[in-house]
Protein backbone atom coordinates (compact mmCIF):
# COMPACT_ATOMS: atom_id res chain seq x y z
CA UNK A 1 5.65 3.29 -3.06
CA UNK A 2 6.36 3.96 -6.88
CA UNK A 3 9.21 2.57 -8.10
CA UNK A 4 11.24 -0.57 -7.47
CA UNK A 5 14.66 0.80 -5.92
CA UNK A 6 17.51 -0.86 -6.19
CA UNK A 7 18.14 -3.58 -3.30
CA UNK A 8 20.75 -3.53 -0.55
CA UNK A 9 22.79 -5.52 0.89
CA UNK A 10 21.94 -9.40 1.40
CA UNK A 11 22.31 -11.96 4.35
CA UNK A 12 19.55 -11.98 7.19
CA UNK A 13 21.44 -11.40 10.38
CA UNK A 14 18.08 -12.64 12.08
CA UNK A 15 16.69 -10.22 14.63
CA UNK A 16 18.07 -9.06 17.73
CA UNK A 17 17.43 -10.74 21.22
CA UNK A 18 16.47 -8.99 24.01
CA UNK A 19 18.55 -8.75 27.13
CA UNK A 20 18.69 -6.93 30.24
CA UNK A 21 19.06 -4.57 31.79
CA UNK A 22 15.64 -3.05 32.06
CA UNK A 23 17.00 0.97 31.41
CA UNK A 24 18.55 2.53 28.30
CA UNK A 25 21.76 4.20 28.90
CA UNK A 26 22.03 7.90 28.70
CA UNK A 27 21.81 8.83 24.84
CA UNK A 28 18.83 6.44 23.79
CA UNK A 29 16.40 8.29 25.25
CA UNK A 30 12.78 7.02 26.59
CA UNK A 31 9.56 8.88 26.63
CA UNK A 32 10.11 12.73 26.77
CA UNK A 33 8.88 14.35 30.10
CA UNK A 34 6.51 17.32 29.56
CA UNK A 35 7.18 19.94 28.96
CA UNK A 36 9.17 19.04 25.91
CA UNK A 37 12.63 20.33 25.31
CA UNK A 38 13.29 22.44 21.82
CA UNK A 39 14.15 20.61 18.67
CA UNK A 40 18.06 20.48 18.71
CA UNK A 41 19.86 22.31 16.04
CA UNK A 42 20.31 20.74 12.50
CA UNK A 43 24.26 20.54 12.89
CA UNK A 44 23.48 19.01 16.46
CA UNK A 45 20.79 16.31 15.46
CA UNK A 46 22.82 15.20 12.41
CA UNK A 47 25.80 14.30 14.79
CA UNK A 48 23.25 12.62 17.43
CA UNK A 49 21.78 10.14 15.17
CA UNK A 50 25.20 9.82 13.32
CA UNK A 51 26.50 8.49 16.54
CA UNK A 52 23.15 6.51 17.44
CA UNK A 53 23.83 4.80 13.69
CA UNK A 54 27.43 3.85 14.10
CA UNK A 55 26.27 2.55 17.59
CA UNK A 56 23.21 1.14 16.45
CA UNK A 57 23.42 -2.56 17.32
CA UNK A 58 24.27 -1.49 20.94
CA UNK A 59 21.52 0.89 21.07
CA UNK A 60 18.95 -1.91 19.60
CA UNK A 61 20.27 -4.19 21.53
CA UNK A 62 19.56 -1.98 25.42
CA UNK A 63 15.96 -0.73 23.76
CA UNK A 64 14.91 -3.90 23.27
CA UNK A 65 16.02 -5.07 26.67
CA UNK A 66 14.12 -1.76 27.98
CA UNK A 67 10.85 -2.10 25.79
CA UNK A 68 10.50 -5.66 26.48
CA UNK A 69 11.06 -4.83 30.96
CA UNK A 70 8.42 -1.70 30.27
CA UNK A 71 6.10 -4.07 28.26
CA UNK A 72 2.30 -4.88 29.63
CA UNK A 73 2.72 -2.51 32.74
CA UNK A 74 -0.17 -0.64 33.67
CA UNK A 75 -3.11 -2.19 31.38
CA UNK A 76 -4.50 -5.35 30.29
CA UNK A 77 -6.36 -6.49 26.91
CA UNK A 78 -8.39 -9.26 27.84
CA UNK A 79 -12.41 -9.51 27.61
CA UNK A 80 -13.13 -6.79 24.91
CA UNK A 81 -15.37 -6.80 21.94
CA UNK A 82 -12.88 -7.75 19.67
CA UNK A 83 -9.42 -10.00 20.08
CA UNK A 84 -9.52 -8.91 23.54
CA UNK A 85 -9.43 -5.24 22.55
CA UNK A 86 -11.64 -2.31 24.90
CA UNK A 87 -11.37 0.97 26.73
CA UNK A 88 -9.02 1.67 29.84
CA UNK A 89 -11.09 2.01 32.90
CA UNK A 90 -8.76 4.81 33.75
CA UNK A 91 -8.89 7.68 31.79
CA UNK A 92 -11.60 5.91 29.16
CA UNK A 93 -9.14 5.90 26.27
CA UNK A 94 -8.25 3.75 23.14
CA UNK A 95 -4.60 4.56 21.61
CA UNK A 96 -4.18 3.30 18.34
CA UNK A 97 0.04 3.42 17.00
CA UNK A 98 -0.10 3.42 12.81
CA UNK A 99 3.06 2.34 11.98
CA UNK A 100 3.49 2.77 7.79
CA UNK A 101 5.79 2.06 5.27
CA UNK A 102 8.86 0.35 6.97
CA UNK A 103 10.48 -1.20 3.98
CA UNK A 104 12.29 -3.73 6.34
CA UNK A 105 14.38 -6.00 4.25
CA UNK A 106 17.38 -7.65 5.99
CA UNK A 107 18.21 -6.14 9.24
CA UNK A 108 21.77 -4.84 10.10
CA UNK A 109 22.74 -5.48 6.17
CA UNK A 110 20.28 -3.77 4.72
CA UNK A 111 20.75 0.15 4.59
CA UNK A 112 19.28 3.45 5.28
CA UNK A 113 17.83 5.51 2.23
CA UNK A 114 18.10 9.57 2.10
CA UNK A 115 19.45 10.31 5.70
CA UNK A 116 22.04 13.05 6.13
CA UNK A 117 25.57 12.42 5.84
CA UNK A 118 26.51 12.11 9.29
CA UNK A 119 24.07 9.70 9.92
CA UNK A 120 24.50 7.38 6.97
CA UNK A 121 27.27 5.20 8.60
CA UNK A 122 26.18 2.13 10.33
CA UNK A 123 22.42 2.71 9.67
CA UNK A 124 20.18 -0.04 8.64
CA UNK A 125 16.76 -1.75 9.33
CA UNK A 126 17.88 -1.86 12.91
CA UNK A 127 17.23 1.88 12.98
CA UNK A 128 14.01 1.32 12.23
CA UNK A 129 13.25 -1.64 14.85
CA UNK A 130 14.88 1.24 17.38
CA UNK A 131 12.40 3.65 16.63
CA UNK A 132 9.43 1.39 16.83
CA UNK A 133 10.69 0.32 20.38
CA UNK A 134 11.35 3.80 21.17
CA UNK A 135 7.98 4.96 20.32
CA UNK A 136 6.07 2.07 21.77
CA UNK A 137 7.74 2.46 24.77
CA UNK A 138 6.49 6.38 24.82
CA UNK A 139 2.97 5.84 23.45
CA UNK A 140 2.04 2.80 25.43
CA UNK A 141 -0.63 2.02 22.65
CA UNK A 142 -3.42 0.09 22.87
CA UNK A 143 -3.11 -1.70 19.32
CA UNK A 144 -0.33 -1.13 16.97
CA UNK A 145 -1.41 -1.13 13.45
CA UNK A 146 0.81 -1.75 10.30
CA UNK A 147 -0.81 -0.16 7.21
CA UNK A 148 0.62 -2.03 4.50
CA UNK A 149 4.80 -2.18 2.83
CA UNK A 150 6.12 -3.34 6.18
CA UNK A 151 8.85 -5.16 4.50
CA UNK A 152 10.39 -4.26 1.03
CA UNK A 153 10.02 -7.83 -0.39
CA UNK A 154 12.90 -7.31 -3.38
CA UNK A 155 15.42 -6.13 -0.80
CA UNK A 156 14.23 -9.37 1.31
CA UNK A 157 16.02 -12.73 1.60
CA UNK A 158 13.84 -14.24 3.14
CA UNK A 159 10.05 -12.87 3.51
CA UNK A 160 8.76 -14.28 6.16
CA UNK A 161 11.83 -13.37 8.74
CA UNK A 162 11.95 -9.78 7.32
CA UNK A 163 8.76 -9.76 8.54
CA UNK A 164 9.01 -11.72 11.57
CA UNK A 165 11.60 -8.76 12.39
CA UNK A 166 9.77 -5.77 11.67
CA UNK A 167 7.07 -7.04 13.65
CA UNK A 168 9.20 -7.70 16.61
CA UNK A 169 8.86 -5.25 18.60
CA UNK A 170 5.25 -5.36 19.34
CA UNK A 171 5.78 -9.01 19.65
CA UNK A 172 8.43 -8.61 22.51
CA UNK A 173 6.27 -5.85 23.84
CA UNK A 174 3.11 -8.18 24.24
CA UNK A 175 0.93 -5.56 22.20
CA UNK A 176 -1.70 -6.76 19.96
CA UNK A 177 -1.12 -5.55 16.64
CA UNK A 178 -3.18 -5.83 13.16
CA UNK A 179 -1.73 -5.27 9.65
CA UNK A 180 -2.78 -4.83 6.00
CA UNK A 181 -0.47 -5.15 3.31
CA UNK A 182 0.98 -2.56 0.84
CA UNK A 183 2.06 -2.88 -2.72
CA UNK A 184 6.11 -4.13 -1.96
CA UNK A 185 5.42 -7.01 0.77
CA UNK A 186 4.81 -9.67 -1.86
CA UNK A 187 7.83 -8.60 -4.22
CA UNK A 188 10.19 -11.23 -2.02
CA UNK A 189 10.08 -14.72 -1.21
CA UNK A 190 5.94 -14.88 -0.28
CA UNK A 191 3.15 -14.32 -2.59
CA UNK A 192 0.44 -11.71 -1.53
CA UNK A 193 -1.58 -14.68 -0.44
CA UNK A 194 1.51 -15.89 1.56
CA UNK A 195 2.41 -12.50 3.17
CA UNK A 196 -1.02 -12.25 5.01
CA UNK A 197 -1.51 -16.10 5.83
CA UNK A 198 2.03 -15.40 7.58
CA UNK A 199 1.32 -12.16 8.98
CA UNK A 200 -2.61 -13.93 10.32
CA UNK A 201 -0.16 -16.43 12.05
CA UNK A 202 2.41 -14.66 13.80
CA UNK A 203 2.39 -14.35 17.95
CA UNK A 204 -0.22 -11.14 19.21
CA UNK A 205 -1.91 -10.77 15.96
CA UNK A 206 -5.34 -9.52 15.72
CA UNK A 207 -4.96 -9.35 11.72
CA UNK A 208 -7.55 -11.69 10.04
CA UNK A 209 -7.01 -13.35 6.37
CA UNK A 210 -10.74 -12.45 5.29
CA UNK A 211 -14.30 -12.66 6.56
CA UNK A 212 -15.26 -16.45 6.56
CA UNK A 213 -18.31 -17.04 3.72
CA UNK A 214 -17.36 -14.22 1.63
CA UNK A 215 -16.61 -14.38 -1.92
CA UNK A 216 -14.18 -11.02 -1.90
CA UNK A 217 -11.34 -9.27 -3.29
CA UNK A 218 -7.70 -9.04 -1.92
CA UNK A 219 -5.96 -10.38 1.18
CA UNK A 220 -6.56 -8.99 4.70
CA UNK A 221 -10.04 -7.13 4.55
CA UNK A 222 -11.51 -7.68 8.34
CA UNK A 223 -13.06 -5.62 11.30
CA UNK A 224 -12.07 -5.04 15.02
CA UNK A 225 -14.33 -4.31 17.47
CA UNK A 226 -13.38 -1.90 21.08
CA UNK A 227 -15.14 -2.84 23.37
CA UNK A 228 -16.74 -0.40 26.12
CA UNK A 229 -14.76 -0.24 30.15
CA UNK A 230 -15.09 -3.33 31.73
CA UNK A 231 -17.71 -3.10 34.67
CA UNK A 232 -19.80 -0.12 32.70
CA UNK A 233 -23.10 -1.02 30.84
CA UNK A 234 -21.21 -0.85 27.37
CA UNK A 235 -18.46 -3.24 28.53
CA UNK A 236 -19.65 -5.73 26.15
CA UNK A 237 -20.97 -3.62 23.73
CA UNK A 238 -18.94 -2.43 20.67
CA UNK A 239 -18.41 1.55 21.16
CA UNK A 240 -15.46 1.52 18.10
CA UNK A 241 -15.19 -0.34 15.42
CA UNK A 242 -12.03 -0.96 13.42
CA UNK A 243 -11.98 -1.53 10.00
CA UNK A 244 -8.87 -3.04 7.25
CA UNK A 245 -8.99 -3.13 3.83
CA UNK A 246 -6.36 -4.66 1.14
CA UNK A 247 -6.08 -1.52 -1.37
CA UNK A 248 -4.54 -3.78 -3.70
CA UNK A 249 -0.76 -3.35 -5.09
CA UNK A 250 -0.92 -2.72 -9.21
CA UNK A 251 -3.88 -3.03 -11.43
CA UNK A 252 -4.15 -6.22 -13.05
CA UNK A 253 -6.81 -4.85 -15.86
CA UNK A 254 -4.71 -3.87 -19.09
CA UNK A 255 -6.47 -0.85 -19.85
CA UNK A 256 -5.75 0.75 -16.58
CA UNK A 257 -2.50 1.82 -15.51
CA UNK A 258 -1.06 2.55 -12.35
CA UNK A 259 -1.92 1.54 -8.60
CA UNK A 260 -4.71 -1.15 -7.46
CA UNK A 261 -8.19 -0.24 -5.57
CA UNK A 262 -10.59 -1.37 -3.20
CA UNK A 263 -12.98 -3.25 -5.29
CA UNK A 264 -16.96 -3.71 -5.40
CA UNK A 265 -16.64 -6.97 -3.56
CA UNK A 266 -14.62 -5.33 -0.51
CA UNK A 267 -17.22 -2.02 -0.60
CA UNK A 268 -20.23 -4.43 -0.34
CA UNK A 269 -19.00 -6.54 2.47
CA UNK A 270 -17.69 -3.20 4.36
CA UNK A 271 -21.56 -1.72 3.69
CA UNK A 272 -22.79 -4.65 5.21
CA UNK A 273 -20.65 -4.70 8.07
CA UNK A 274 -21.04 -1.41 9.06
CA UNK A 275 -24.83 -1.56 8.52
CA UNK A 276 -24.89 -4.84 11.03
CA UNK A 277 -22.85 -3.17 13.54
CA UNK A 278 -25.19 0.05 13.13
CA UNK A 279 -28.17 -1.98 13.84
CA UNK A 280 -26.30 -3.65 16.99
CA UNK A 281 -25.48 -0.42 18.51
CA UNK A 282 -28.59 1.32 18.63
CA UNK A 283 -30.90 -1.75 18.47
CA UNK A 284 -29.49 -4.03 21.25
CA UNK A 285 -29.34 -3.11 24.93
CA UNK A 286 -28.15 -1.18 26.31
CA UNK A 287 -29.41 0.99 23.23
CA UNK A 288 -27.48 3.72 21.97
CA UNK A 289 -29.31 7.07 20.10
CA UNK A 290 -26.39 7.79 17.39
CA UNK A 291 -24.02 5.39 15.74
CA UNK A 292 -20.89 4.48 16.91
CA UNK A 293 -17.79 6.15 15.33
CA UNK A 294 -15.50 3.73 13.20
CA UNK A 295 -11.98 4.10 11.90
CA UNK A 296 -10.56 3.07 8.70
CA UNK A 297 -6.96 1.77 7.89
CA UNK A 298 -5.63 0.78 4.25
CA UNK A 299 -2.23 1.48 2.34
CA UNK A 300 -2.43 3.30 -0.92
CA UNK A 301 -4.70 6.82 -0.85
CA UNK A 302 -8.13 7.50 -2.69
CA UNK A 303 -8.26 10.32 -5.23
CA UNK A 304 -10.00 12.25 -2.60
CA UNK A 305 -6.57 12.71 -0.74
CA UNK A 306 -6.19 14.78 -3.35
CA UNK A 307 -8.48 17.43 -2.43
CA UNK A 308 -6.36 19.55 0.14
CA UNK A 309 -4.02 22.53 0.10
CA UNK A 310 -1.80 23.85 3.14
CA UNK A 311 -5.19 26.08 3.82
CA UNK A 312 -7.69 23.16 4.52
CA UNK A 313 -4.91 20.40 6.10
CA UNK A 314 -2.83 20.06 9.15
CA UNK A 315 0.62 18.70 8.32
CA UNK A 316 2.91 18.67 4.76
CA UNK A 317 2.50 17.22 0.95
CA UNK A 318 5.73 17.25 -0.33
CA UNK A 319 4.84 14.40 -2.93
CA UNK A 320 2.01 13.97 -5.23
CA UNK A 321 -1.07 12.01 -4.19
CA UNK A 322 -0.05 8.11 -6.04
CA UNK A 323 -3.56 7.09 -5.88
CA UNK A 324 -4.96 4.53 -8.61
CA UNK A 325 -5.61 5.89 -12.06
CA UNK A 326 -9.57 5.50 -11.64
CA UNK A 327 -12.08 6.19 -9.00
CA UNK A 328 -14.12 3.25 -7.45
CA UNK A 329 -15.92 5.14 -5.40
CA UNK A 330 -15.38 3.98 -1.78
CA UNK A 331 -14.78 7.06 -0.20
CA UNK A 332 -18.28 8.15 -1.15
CA UNK A 333 -19.16 4.41 -0.03
CA UNK A 334 -17.54 5.53 3.31
CA UNK A 335 -19.60 8.96 3.65
CA UNK A 336 -22.93 6.92 2.75
CA UNK A 337 -22.45 4.37 5.64
CA UNK A 338 -21.90 7.32 8.18
CA UNK A 339 -19.48 5.22 10.76
CA UNK A 340 -16.11 6.33 9.28
CA UNK A 341 -15.09 9.30 10.83
CA UNK A 342 -11.19 9.25 9.85
CA UNK A 343 -9.20 6.96 6.98
CA UNK A 344 -5.45 6.46 7.65
CA UNK A 345 -3.21 5.34 5.24
CA UNK A 346 0.78 5.03 4.21
CA UNK A 347 2.30 4.83 0.32
CA UNK A 348 3.65 8.17 0.00
CA UNK A 349 5.99 8.77 2.52
CA UNK A 350 6.71 12.29 2.28
CA UNK A 351 2.99 13.13 3.26
CA UNK A 352 1.79 13.27 7.02
CA UNK A 353 -0.85 15.68 6.66
CA UNK A 354 -4.66 15.19 7.56
CA UNK A 355 -7.79 17.14 5.92
CA UNK A 356 -11.78 16.84 6.52
CA UNK A 357 -13.66 16.19 3.62
CA UNK A 358 -17.58 15.79 3.85
CA UNK A 359 -17.65 15.17 7.49
CA UNK A 360 -14.48 12.23 6.85
CA UNK A 361 -10.94 13.41 7.92
CA UNK A 362 -8.40 11.61 5.36
CA UNK A 363 -4.91 11.26 7.16
CA UNK A 364 -1.44 10.12 5.87
CA UNK A 365 0.75 8.60 8.82
CA UNK A 366 4.55 9.45 6.93
CA UNK A 367 7.19 7.34 6.39
CA UNK A 368 8.62 5.26 9.49
CA UNK A 369 11.38 3.02 8.37
CA UNK A 370 14.50 3.74 7.46
CA UNK A 371 15.13 1.58 4.15
CA UNK A 372 11.91 3.37 2.38
CA UNK A 373 12.86 6.74 0.75
CA UNK A 374 12.44 9.36 2.64
CA UNK A 375 14.13 13.26 2.83
CA UNK A 376 17.16 13.88 4.59
CA UNK A 377 16.43 15.92 7.53
CA UNK A 378 13.16 14.95 7.63
CA UNK A 379 12.72 13.02 10.56
CA UNK A 380 11.00 9.36 9.94
CA UNK A 381 7.30 9.24 11.98
CA UNK A 382 4.49 8.09 13.28
CA UNK A 383 1.02 8.54 13.83
CA UNK A 384 -1.16 8.27 17.00
CA UNK A 385 -4.84 8.15 17.43
CA UNK A 386 -6.41 8.61 20.88
CA UNK A 387 -10.27 7.80 21.34
CA UNK A 388 -11.86 9.44 24.02
CA UNK A 389 -15.22 8.06 26.22
CA UNK A 390 -17.86 10.63 27.05
CA UNK A 391 -17.83 10.50 31.15
CA UNK A 392 -21.20 11.13 32.77
CA UNK A 393 -21.86 13.17 35.86
CA UNK A 394 -21.55 10.20 38.13
CA UNK A 395 -18.90 8.82 37.07
CA UNK A 396 -20.56 6.20 33.98
CA UNK A 397 -18.00 5.72 31.04
CA UNK A 398 -20.36 6.25 28.17
CA UNK A 399 -20.06 5.93 24.45
CA UNK A 400 -17.05 7.81 22.35
CA UNK A 401 -16.83 12.03 22.56
CA UNK A 402 -14.13 12.64 20.72
CA UNK A 403 -11.07 11.56 18.07
CA UNK A 404 -7.64 13.15 18.79
CA UNK A 405 -4.46 12.52 17.05
CA UNK A 406 -0.77 14.01 16.74
CA UNK A 407 2.70 12.47 15.39
CA UNK A 408 5.94 11.11 16.92
CA UNK A 409 8.96 12.22 14.89
CA UNK A 410 12.18 10.08 15.27
CA UNK A 411 14.65 12.68 16.74
CA UNK A 412 16.23 13.18 19.68
CA UNK A 413 13.35 14.08 22.08
CA UNK A 414 10.50 11.78 20.35
CA UNK A 415 8.80 15.59 19.49
CA UNK A 416 4.87 15.33 19.22
CA UNK A 417 3.64 17.36 16.62
CA UNK A 418 0.39 18.61 14.61
CA UNK A 419 -1.67 17.53 17.68
CA UNK A 420 -5.24 18.09 16.44
CA UNK A 421 -9.03 16.90 17.07
CA UNK A 422 -10.15 14.68 14.11
CA UNK A 423 -14.26 14.18 15.48
CA UNK A 424 -16.24 15.53 18.48
CA UNK A 425 -19.83 14.50 19.60
CA UNK A 426 -21.41 16.72 21.07
CA UNK A 427 -21.23 20.75 22.05
CA UNK A 428 -17.59 20.81 23.62
CA UNK A 429 -15.71 21.17 20.36
CA UNK A 430 -14.87 24.63 21.25
CA UNK A 431 -13.24 23.83 24.36
CA UNK A 432 -11.57 20.79 22.78
CA UNK A 433 -10.35 22.66 20.20
CA UNK A 434 -8.64 25.06 22.32
CA UNK A 435 -7.23 22.08 24.55
CA UNK A 436 -5.26 20.63 21.59
CA UNK A 437 -4.28 24.10 20.57
CA UNK A 438 -1.93 24.40 24.16
CA UNK A 439 -0.92 21.16 23.66
CA UNK A 440 0.66 22.33 20.36
CA UNK A 441 2.45 25.42 22.22
CA UNK A 442 3.74 23.30 24.95
């Protein structure tokens, strides 16, 4: 996020090569089984994670092997509206896992930052990789989204190899994924252009460099469409839209200090794309009455993320909102377009809240990576978003009914916290809120 931190050890060990057996041993838990066990006492948690750090490479190899064996079970991704994305027939859901700020560098040789003393010995980038395997197995997402600062370029010997290792768990599990870049990805051996081109060329990626034939600022501005359930009337129609934008790195205007922002050319592309998608959704057969909902992903927060206090947000705010020093108006652009129901970012690792402003939920993910700055004793985390379709009396899946979210912590039990409904279509909001409240108490 902010100041460039002192670099760690050099020397690239390469990503670990997964090997059988298919199941992790005791001490390397998979998805938690409900009901959730109570959180361990701090001293027990420190001992447990410290042991994991000391044996990090062994555990990583085993978790990786288990993840590969688990990959692809129970679902397919081909045949959707964009990049093979579509809602699942069983359950009518589409799930996105957001991974923010991995700050990956040189693997085993790169030390952790801001962990408890008992965790420090042997802790490295491999702890980040192990966490990613664990949460992928637990949540089994339909799409993984990496929202920038995926690598920490200044500490990376080879930026391309660092990026390969950072994304490796999603590729090993054969999951579709998409990425945007942050303000640290390009600080190594690849330029900002080069980082995005590398991401676009990786296996299983749905990332795109930029829309074709459009003059636009930045790298990695694109959208993905998610089709309805196969075999239904909406099978070939985008019932959920996903926007990805490059929020820049640092200001290039001498009179404007600080971070970058989403520029006018990007907003023009967004408005045109949104209008086109809404026209297709409401005019083309089968015609729909309402706008198709959308989610937006980028790295640097908008100034509007500073609008919340503990009374009107879910989660925590433990540091300032490090947005650009000017307001480029993208939040207003989203409100005017009317389709974005939630925007998801990273950048400020100690913030993980969601707050609603003028109909749009603004959500942090919280820091994921162990080489990123954090807070000792405050678990690294990831955000999950689950989008649910409406089911008619005859059993036919229709458009989106609700959007829910929760977070997963990298603790002994992969604890789920802060479950909430971000958006709901129709008259069942009270029932959904009660349901999610029950989830939180379980």
